[in-house]
Amino acid sequence: MDIEPRILIVDDEENLLRSMEKTLFRKGFDVDTAGGNIEGLNTFKEAAEDEEPFNLVIVDLNMPDFDGNEQKYAGLDLLAAIKKEKGDDVPVIVNSAWDEVEIAKKCIDAGASDYFVKGRNEEMIRKIRAVLEGDE
């Protein structure tokens, strides 16, 4: 890509959110963050309305849902809301602390472009680049 890709990271863990933001910023990405489903969807919609849409969204799997209740797969609700807004125009990668094939498959089946385990920064960067370049 010739332009700096815009990425939205949605995660309720503040320290992890800041760490991912710094890592991606250092790799040349334009990064915004949101602390949960409601803030994430609002940020996503506002960027589109301002004609500065995101090229990619990274969503935490386990965080509070749209009602503020902790939910095991709340990130999939946000994934569905983003897909409802923009279809497949904006890829979404789900991340989680769980390193389980069944969970990764559940995310892909729900429409995620990819899945990675939190804390594996090199894997995260590799998957982001692959999705943005269309090498899924």
N, C-alpha and C. Protein backbone atom coordinates (compact mmCIF):
# COMPACT_ATOMS: atom_id res chain seq x y z
N MET A 1 0.84 -1.18 0.00
CA MET A 1 0.00 0.00 0.00
C MET A 1 0.88 1.24 0.00
N ASP A 2 0.49 2.21 -0.79
CA ASP A 2 1.25 3.44 -0.86
C ASP A 2 0.93 4.38 0.30
N ILE A 3 -0.30 4.31 0.79
CA ILE A 3 -0.69 5.18 1.90
C ILE A 3 -0.55 4.42 3.21
N GLU A 4 -0.45 5.17 4.28
CA GLU A 4 -0.32 4.57 5.60
C GLU A 4 -1.66 3.93 5.98
N PRO A 5 -1.70 2.61 6.16
CA PRO A 5 -2.97 1.95 6.50
C PRO A 5 -3.49 2.40 7.88
N ARG A 6 -4.80 2.62 7.94
CA ARG A 6 -5.47 3.01 9.19
C ARG A 6 -6.02 1.76 9.85
N ILE A 7 -5.67 1.58 11.12
CA ILE A 7 -6.11 0.41 11.87
C ILE A 7 -6.82 0.86 13.14
N LEU A 8 -7.95 0.23 13.42
CA LEU A 8 -8.66 0.44 14.68
C LEU A 8 -8.46 -0.80 15.53
N ILE A 9 -7.99 -0.60 16.76
CA ILE A 9 -7.83 -1.71 17.72
C ILE A 9 -8.89 -1.53 18.79
N VAL A 10 -9.68 -2.58 19.04
CA VAL A 10 -10.71 -2.54 20.06
C VAL A 10 -10.40 -3.61 21.10
N ASP A 11 -10.14 -3.16 22.33
CA ASP A 11 -9.80 -4.08 23.43
C ASP A 11 -10.09 -3.39 24.75
N ASP A 12 -10.60 -4.13 25.70
CA ASP A 12 -10.92 -3.54 27.00
C ASP A 12 -9.75 -3.55 27.97
N GLU A 13 -8.65 -4.16 27.60
CA GLU A 13 -7.46 -4.19 28.45
C GLU A 13 -6.55 -3.01 28.06
N GLU A 14 -6.57 -1.97 28.89
CA GLU A 14 -5.87 -0.71 28.59
C GLU A 14 -4.38 -0.91 28.30
N ASN A 15 -3.69 -1.69 29.12
CA ASN A 15 -2.24 -1.89 28.92
C ASN A 15 -1.95 -2.59 27.61
N LEU A 16 -2.74 -3.59 27.29
CA LEU A 16 -2.55 -4.31 26.03
C LEU A 16 -2.88 -3.42 24.85
N LEU A 17 -3.92 -2.64 24.99
CA LEU A 17 -4.32 -1.71 23.93
C LEU A 17 -3.19 -0.74 23.61
N ARG A 18 -2.59 -0.15 24.62
CA ARG A 18 -1.48 0.80 24.42
C ARG A 18 -0.26 0.11 23.83
N SER A 19 0.03 -1.10 24.29
CA SER A 19 1.17 -1.85 23.78
C SER A 19 1.00 -2.16 22.29
N MET A 20 -0.18 -2.62 21.91
CA MET A 20 -0.43 -2.92 20.50
C MET A 20 -0.38 -1.64 19.66
N GLU A 21 -0.93 -0.57 20.19
CA GLU A 21 -0.91 0.71 19.49
C GLU A 21 0.53 1.15 19.20
N LYS A 22 1.39 1.07 20.19
CA LYS A 22 2.80 1.46 20.01
C LYS A 22 3.51 0.56 19.02
N THR A 23 3.27 -0.74 19.12
CA THR A 23 3.90 -1.69 18.21
C THR A 23 3.52 -1.40 16.77
N LEU A 24 2.24 -1.17 16.53
CA LEU A 24 1.78 -0.92 15.15
C LEU A 24 2.22 0.44 14.65
N PHE A 25 2.21 1.44 15.52
CA PHE A 25 2.69 2.77 15.15
C PHE A 25 4.15 2.71 14.69
N ARG A 26 4.95 1.97 15.42
CA ARG A 26 6.37 1.83 15.07
C ARG A 26 6.57 1.11 13.74
N LYS A 27 5.59 0.30 13.35
CA LYS A 27 5.67 -0.41 12.07
C LYS A 27 5.08 0.41 10.92
N GLY A 28 4.66 1.65 11.22
CA GLY A 28 4.21 2.54 10.16
C GLY A 28 2.71 2.62 9.94
N PHE A 29 1.94 2.09 10.87
CA PHE A 29 0.48 2.14 10.74
C PHE A 29 -0.08 3.35 11.47
N ASP A 30 -1.17 3.87 10.95
CA ASP A 30 -1.94 4.93 11.59
C ASP A 30 -2.97 4.22 12.46
N VAL A 31 -2.87 4.37 13.79
CA VAL A 31 -3.65 3.55 14.71
C VAL A 31 -4.56 4.40 15.59
N ASP A 32 -5.82 3.96 15.69
CA ASP A 32 -6.78 4.50 16.65
C ASP A 32 -7.17 3.35 17.57
N THR A 33 -7.65 3.68 18.76
CA THR A 33 -8.03 2.65 19.71
C THR A 33 -9.42 2.93 20.27
N ALA A 34 -10.03 1.86 20.77
CA ALA A 34 -11.32 1.96 21.45
C ALA A 34 -11.34 0.91 22.55
N GLY A 35 -12.02 1.25 23.65
CA GLY A 35 -12.01 0.38 24.82
C GLY A 35 -13.11 -0.64 24.92
N GLY A 36 -13.90 -0.83 23.89
CA GLY A 36 -14.96 -1.83 23.94
C GLY A 36 -15.87 -1.76 22.73
N ASN A 37 -16.89 -2.59 22.73
CA ASN A 37 -17.79 -2.70 21.58
C ASN A 37 -18.46 -1.39 21.20
N ILE A 38 -19.05 -0.71 22.18
CA ILE A 38 -19.78 0.52 21.87
C ILE A 38 -18.84 1.58 21.32
N GLU A 39 -17.75 1.83 22.03
CA GLU A 39 -16.77 2.82 21.58
C GLU A 39 -16.16 2.41 20.25
N GLY A 40 -15.90 1.13 20.08
CA GLY A 40 -15.32 0.64 18.83
C GLY A 40 -16.23 0.87 17.63
N LEU A 41 -17.51 0.53 17.78
CA LEU A 41 -18.43 0.72 16.67
C LEU A 41 -18.64 2.20 16.37
N ASN A 42 -18.74 3.02 17.41
CA ASN A 42 -18.89 4.46 17.20
C ASN A 42 -17.68 5.05 16.50
N THR A 43 -16.48 4.65 16.91
CA THR A 43 -15.25 5.14 16.28
C THR A 43 -15.20 4.71 14.82
N PHE A 44 -15.58 3.46 14.56
CA PHE A 44 -15.60 2.93 13.20
C PHE A 44 -16.55 3.74 12.31
N LYS A 45 -17.77 3.99 12.82
CA LYS A 45 -18.77 4.74 12.05
C LYS A 45 -18.33 6.18 11.82
N GLU A 46 -17.80 6.83 12.85
CA GLU A 46 -17.36 8.22 12.72
C GLU A 46 -16.26 8.36 11.68
N ALA A 47 -15.33 7.43 11.65
CA ALA A 47 -14.24 7.48 10.67
C ALA A 47 -14.81 7.38 9.25
N ALA A 48 -15.78 6.50 9.06
CA ALA A 48 -16.39 6.35 7.74
C ALA A 48 -17.15 7.62 7.34
N GLU A 49 -17.87 8.20 8.30
CA GLU A 49 -18.61 9.43 8.02
C GLU A 49 -17.69 10.60 7.69
N ASP A 50 -16.51 10.62 8.31
CA ASP A 50 -15.53 11.68 8.07
C ASP A 50 -14.69 11.41 6.83
N GLU A 51 -15.04 10.36 6.11
CA GLU A 51 -14.31 9.93 4.91
C GLU A 51 -12.85 9.62 5.20
N GLU A 52 -12.60 9.09 6.38
CA GLU A 52 -11.28 8.59 6.78
C GLU A 52 -11.44 7.18 7.32
N PRO A 53 -11.98 6.28 6.49
CA PRO A 53 -12.30 4.93 6.99
C PRO A 53 -11.05 4.13 7.36
N PHE A 54 -11.28 3.14 8.20
CA PHE A 54 -10.20 2.23 8.59
C PHE A 54 -9.99 1.20 7.50
N ASN A 55 -8.74 0.80 7.33
CA ASN A 55 -8.40 -0.26 6.38
C ASN A 55 -8.52 -1.63 7.03
N LEU A 56 -8.50 -1.65 8.37
CA LEU A 56 -8.51 -2.91 9.11
C LEU A 56 -8.96 -2.64 10.53
N VAL A 57 -9.68 -3.60 11.12
CA VAL A 57 -10.07 -3.51 12.52
C VAL A 57 -9.57 -4.76 13.23
N ILE A 58 -8.97 -4.57 14.39
CA ILE A 58 -8.54 -5.68 15.25
C ILE A 58 -9.45 -5.67 16.47
N VAL A 59 -10.09 -6.78 16.73
CA VAL A 59 -11.11 -6.89 17.77
C VAL A 59 -10.71 -7.94 18.79
N ASP A 60 -10.77 -7.57 20.07
CA ASP A 60 -10.58 -8.53 21.15
C ASP A 60 -11.80 -9.44 21.19
N LEU A 61 -11.60 -10.71 21.45
CA LEU A 61 -12.71 -11.65 21.49
C LEU A 61 -13.50 -11.57 22.80
N ASN A 62 -12.79 -11.44 23.91
CA ASN A 62 -13.43 -11.48 25.22
C ASN A 62 -13.40 -10.11 25.86
N MET A 63 -14.54 -9.42 25.85
CA MET A 63 -14.66 -8.09 26.44
C MET A 63 -16.13 -7.82 26.70
N PRO A 64 -16.48 -6.71 27.31
CA PRO A 64 -17.90 -6.43 27.53
C PRO A 64 -18.66 -6.29 26.21
N ASP A 65 -19.90 -6.76 26.22
CA ASP A 65 -20.74 -6.68 25.04
C ASP A 65 -21.37 -5.29 24.90
N PHE A 66 -22.29 -5.15 23.98
CA PHE A 66 -22.90 -3.84 23.74
C PHE A 66 -23.75 -3.35 24.91
N ASP A 67 -24.08 -4.25 25.84
CA ASP A 67 -24.83 -3.87 27.04
C ASP A 67 -23.90 -3.65 28.23
N GLY A 68 -22.60 -3.81 28.03
CA GLY A 68 -21.64 -3.60 29.11
C GLY A 68 -21.39 -4.81 29.97
N ASN A 69 -21.93 -5.96 29.57
CA ASN A 69 -21.74 -7.20 30.33
C ASN A 69 -20.56 -7.99 29.77
N GLU A 70 -19.72 -8.51 30.66
CA GLU A 70 -18.59 -9.34 30.22
C GLU A 70 -19.15 -10.56 29.50
N GLN A 71 -18.64 -10.80 28.31
CA GLN A 71 -19.14 -11.92 27.50
C GLN A 71 -17.96 -12.58 26.81
N LYS A 72 -17.96 -13.89 26.82
CA LYS A 72 -16.84 -14.65 26.27
C LYS A 72 -16.55 -14.31 24.80
N TYR A 73 -17.59 -14.14 23.99
CA TYR A 73 -17.38 -13.89 22.57
C TYR A 73 -17.95 -12.55 22.12
N ALA A 74 -17.88 -11.54 22.95
CA ALA A 74 -18.44 -10.23 22.62
C ALA A 74 -17.80 -9.62 21.37
N GLY A 75 -16.55 -9.93 21.13
CA GLY A 75 -15.88 -9.41 19.94
C GLY A 75 -16.54 -9.85 18.65
N LEU A 76 -17.19 -11.02 18.68
CA LEU A 76 -17.90 -11.48 17.49
C LEU A 76 -19.15 -10.65 17.23
N ASP A 77 -19.73 -10.09 18.30
CA ASP A 77 -20.86 -9.18 18.12
C ASP A 77 -20.40 -7.91 17.39
N LEU A 78 -19.23 -7.41 17.78
CA LEU A 78 -18.68 -6.23 17.11
C LEU A 78 -18.31 -6.57 15.67
N LEU A 79 -17.74 -7.72 15.45
CA LEU A 79 -17.43 -8.17 14.09
C LEU A 79 -18.69 -8.17 13.24
N ALA A 80 -19.78 -8.71 13.77
CA ALA A 80 -21.04 -8.75 13.03
C ALA A 80 -21.56 -7.34 12.74
N ALA A 81 -21.44 -6.44 13.71
CA ALA A 81 -21.90 -5.06 13.51
C ALA A 81 -21.08 -4.35 12.44
N ILE A 82 -19.78 -4.59 12.41
CA ILE A 82 -18.93 -3.98 11.39
C ILE A 82 -19.27 -4.54 10.02
N LYS A 83 -19.47 -5.84 9.94
CA LYS A 83 -19.83 -6.47 8.67
C LYS A 83 -21.19 -5.95 8.18
N LYS A 84 -22.11 -5.70 9.12
CA LYS A 84 -23.42 -5.16 8.75
C LYS A 84 -23.27 -3.75 8.17
N GLU A 85 -22.34 -2.97 8.73
CA GLU A 85 -22.10 -1.60 8.26
C GLU A 85 -21.42 -1.58 6.88
N LYS A 86 -20.38 -2.39 6.73
CA LYS A 86 -19.53 -2.28 5.53
C LYS A 86 -19.36 -3.59 4.77
N GLY A 87 -20.11 -4.61 5.11
CA GLY A 87 -19.96 -5.88 4.40
C GLY A 87 -18.55 -6.42 4.57
N ASP A 88 -17.99 -6.88 3.48
CA ASP A 88 -16.63 -7.40 3.52
C ASP A 88 -15.60 -6.37 3.09
N ASP A 89 -16.02 -5.10 3.01
CA ASP A 89 -15.12 -4.04 2.57
C ASP A 89 -13.98 -3.80 3.55
N VAL A 90 -14.21 -4.04 4.83
CA VAL A 90 -13.19 -3.79 5.85
C VAL A 90 -12.86 -5.11 6.55
N PRO A 91 -11.64 -5.58 6.40
CA PRO A 91 -11.27 -6.82 7.08
C PRO A 91 -11.18 -6.63 8.59
N VAL A 92 -11.56 -7.68 9.30
CA VAL A 92 -11.50 -7.68 10.76
C VAL A 92 -10.68 -8.89 11.20
N ILE A 93 -9.70 -8.63 12.05
CA ILE A 93 -8.90 -9.70 12.65
C ILE A 93 -9.29 -9.78 14.12
N VAL A 94 -9.54 -10.98 14.60
CA VAL A 94 -9.88 -11.18 16.00
C VAL A 94 -8.62 -11.64 16.73
N ASN A 95 -8.44 -11.10 17.96
CA ASN A 95 -7.33 -11.56 18.79
C ASN A 95 -7.87 -11.99 20.14
N SER A 96 -7.12 -12.86 20.79
CA SER A 96 -7.56 -13.41 22.07
C SER A 96 -6.37 -13.99 22.81
N ALA A 97 -6.55 -14.18 24.09
CA ALA A 97 -5.53 -14.85 24.90
C ALA A 97 -5.59 -16.37 24.71
N TRP A 98 -6.68 -16.85 24.11
CA TRP A 98 -6.88 -18.28 23.96
C TRP A 98 -6.21 -18.79 22.69
N ASP A 99 -5.32 -19.74 22.86
CA ASP A 99 -4.60 -20.35 21.75
C ASP A 99 -5.24 -21.70 21.45
N GLU A 100 -6.44 -21.65 20.89
CA GLU A 100 -7.20 -22.87 20.61
C GLU A 100 -7.71 -22.84 19.18
N VAL A 101 -7.49 -23.91 18.46
CA VAL A 101 -7.89 -24.01 17.06
C VAL A 101 -9.40 -23.85 16.91
N GLU A 102 -10.17 -24.43 17.83
CA GLU A 102 -11.64 -24.36 17.73
C GLU A 102 -12.12 -22.91 17.81
N ILE A 103 -11.50 -22.12 18.67
CA ILE A 103 -11.90 -20.71 18.81
C ILE A 103 -11.51 -19.93 17.56
N ALA A 104 -10.32 -20.17 17.05
CA ALA A 104 -9.89 -19.51 15.81
C ALA A 104 -10.86 -19.85 14.67
N LYS A 105 -11.26 -21.11 14.58
CA LYS A 105 -12.20 -21.53 13.54
C LYS A 105 -13.55 -20.84 13.72
N LYS A 106 -14.01 -20.71 14.95
CA LYS A 106 -15.28 -20.03 15.22
C LYS A 106 -15.23 -18.58 14.72
N CYS A 107 -14.10 -17.92 14.94
CA CYS A 107 -13.94 -16.52 14.50
C CYS A 107 -13.93 -16.42 12.97
N ILE A 108 -13.22 -17.31 12.32
CA ILE A 108 -13.15 -17.30 10.85
C ILE A 108 -14.54 -17.59 10.28
N ASP A 109 -15.24 -18.57 10.88
CA ASP A 109 -16.59 -18.90 10.42
C ASP A 109 -17.55 -17.72 10.60
N ALA A 110 -17.29 -16.87 11.60
CA ALA A 110 -18.13 -15.69 11.84
C ALA A 110 -17.81 -14.53 10.91
N GLY A 111 -16.76 -14.67 10.10
CA GLY A 111 -16.43 -13.64 9.12
C GLY A 111 -15.12 -12.92 9.34
N ALA A 112 -14.36 -13.33 10.35
CA ALA A 112 -13.06 -12.70 10.58
C ALA A 112 -12.09 -13.07 9.46
N SER A 113 -11.22 -12.13 9.12
CA SER A 113 -10.21 -12.38 8.09
C SER A 113 -9.08 -13.25 8.63
N ASP A 114 -8.84 -13.15 9.94
CA ASP A 114 -7.79 -13.96 10.56
C ASP A 114 -7.96 -13.89 12.07
N TYR A 115 -7.09 -14.59 12.78
CA TYR A 115 -7.13 -14.71 14.23
C TYR A 115 -5.69 -14.81 14.71
N PHE A 116 -5.36 -14.12 15.80
CA PHE A 116 -4.04 -14.30 16.40
C PHE A 116 -4.15 -14.23 17.91
N VAL A 117 -3.12 -14.78 18.55
CA VAL A 117 -3.07 -14.83 20.01
C VAL A 117 -2.33 -13.61 20.52
N LYS A 118 -2.92 -12.96 21.53
CA LYS A 118 -2.33 -11.75 22.12
C LYS A 118 -0.90 -12.01 22.57
N GLY A 119 -0.08 -10.99 22.41
CA GLY A 119 1.31 -11.05 22.86
C GLY A 119 2.28 -11.58 21.82
N ARG A 120 1.78 -12.08 20.73
CA ARG A 120 2.64 -12.60 19.66
C ARG A 120 2.75 -11.53 18.59
N ASN A 121 3.59 -10.52 18.87
CA ASN A 121 3.64 -9.33 18.02
C ASN A 121 4.09 -9.61 16.60
N GLU A 122 5.06 -10.47 16.41
CA GLU A 122 5.53 -10.76 15.05
C GLU A 122 4.44 -11.45 14.24
N GLU A 123 3.72 -12.36 14.88
CA GLU A 123 2.60 -13.02 14.21
C GLU A 123 1.52 -12.00 13.86
N MET A 124 1.25 -11.08 14.80
CA MET A 124 0.26 -10.04 14.57
C MET A 124 0.63 -9.20 13.35
N ILE A 125 1.86 -8.74 13.29
CA ILE A 125 2.32 -7.90 12.17
C ILE A 125 2.23 -8.67 10.85
N ARG A 126 2.67 -9.91 10.87
CA ARG A 126 2.63 -10.74 9.66
C ARG A 126 1.20 -10.91 9.15
N LYS A 127 0.28 -11.18 10.07
CA LYS A 127 -1.11 -11.40 9.67
C LYS A 127 -1.76 -10.10 9.19
N ILE A 128 -1.47 -9.00 9.85
CA ILE A 128 -2.01 -7.70 9.41
C ILE A 128 -1.55 -7.40 7.99
N ARG A 129 -0.26 -7.56 7.73
CA ARG A 129 0.25 -7.28 6.39
C ARG A 129 -0.36 -8.20 5.35
N ALA A 130 -0.52 -9.46 5.68
CA ALA A 130 -1.12 -10.41 4.74
C ALA A 130 -2.56 -10.03 4.42
N VAL A 131 -3.32 -9.67 5.42
CA VAL A 131 -4.72 -9.28 5.19
C VAL A 131 -4.79 -8.00 4.38
N LEU A 132 -3.98 -7.01 4.71
CA LEU A 132 -4.00 -5.75 3.98
C LEU A 132 -3.55 -5.88 2.55
N GLU A 133 -2.66 -6.83 2.30
CA GLU A 133 -2.16 -7.05 0.93
C GLU A 133 -3.02 -8.03 0.16
N GLY A 134 -4.03 -8.60 0.84
CA GLY A 134 -4.93 -9.53 0.17
C GLY A 134 -4.37 -10.92 0.01
N ASP A 135 -3.38 -11.26 0.83
CA ASP A 135 -2.76 -12.58 0.75
C ASP A 135 -3.33 -13.53 1.80
N GLU A 136 -4.60 -13.39 2.11
CA GLU A 136 -5.22 -14.21 3.14
C GLU A 136 -5.15 -15.67 2.77
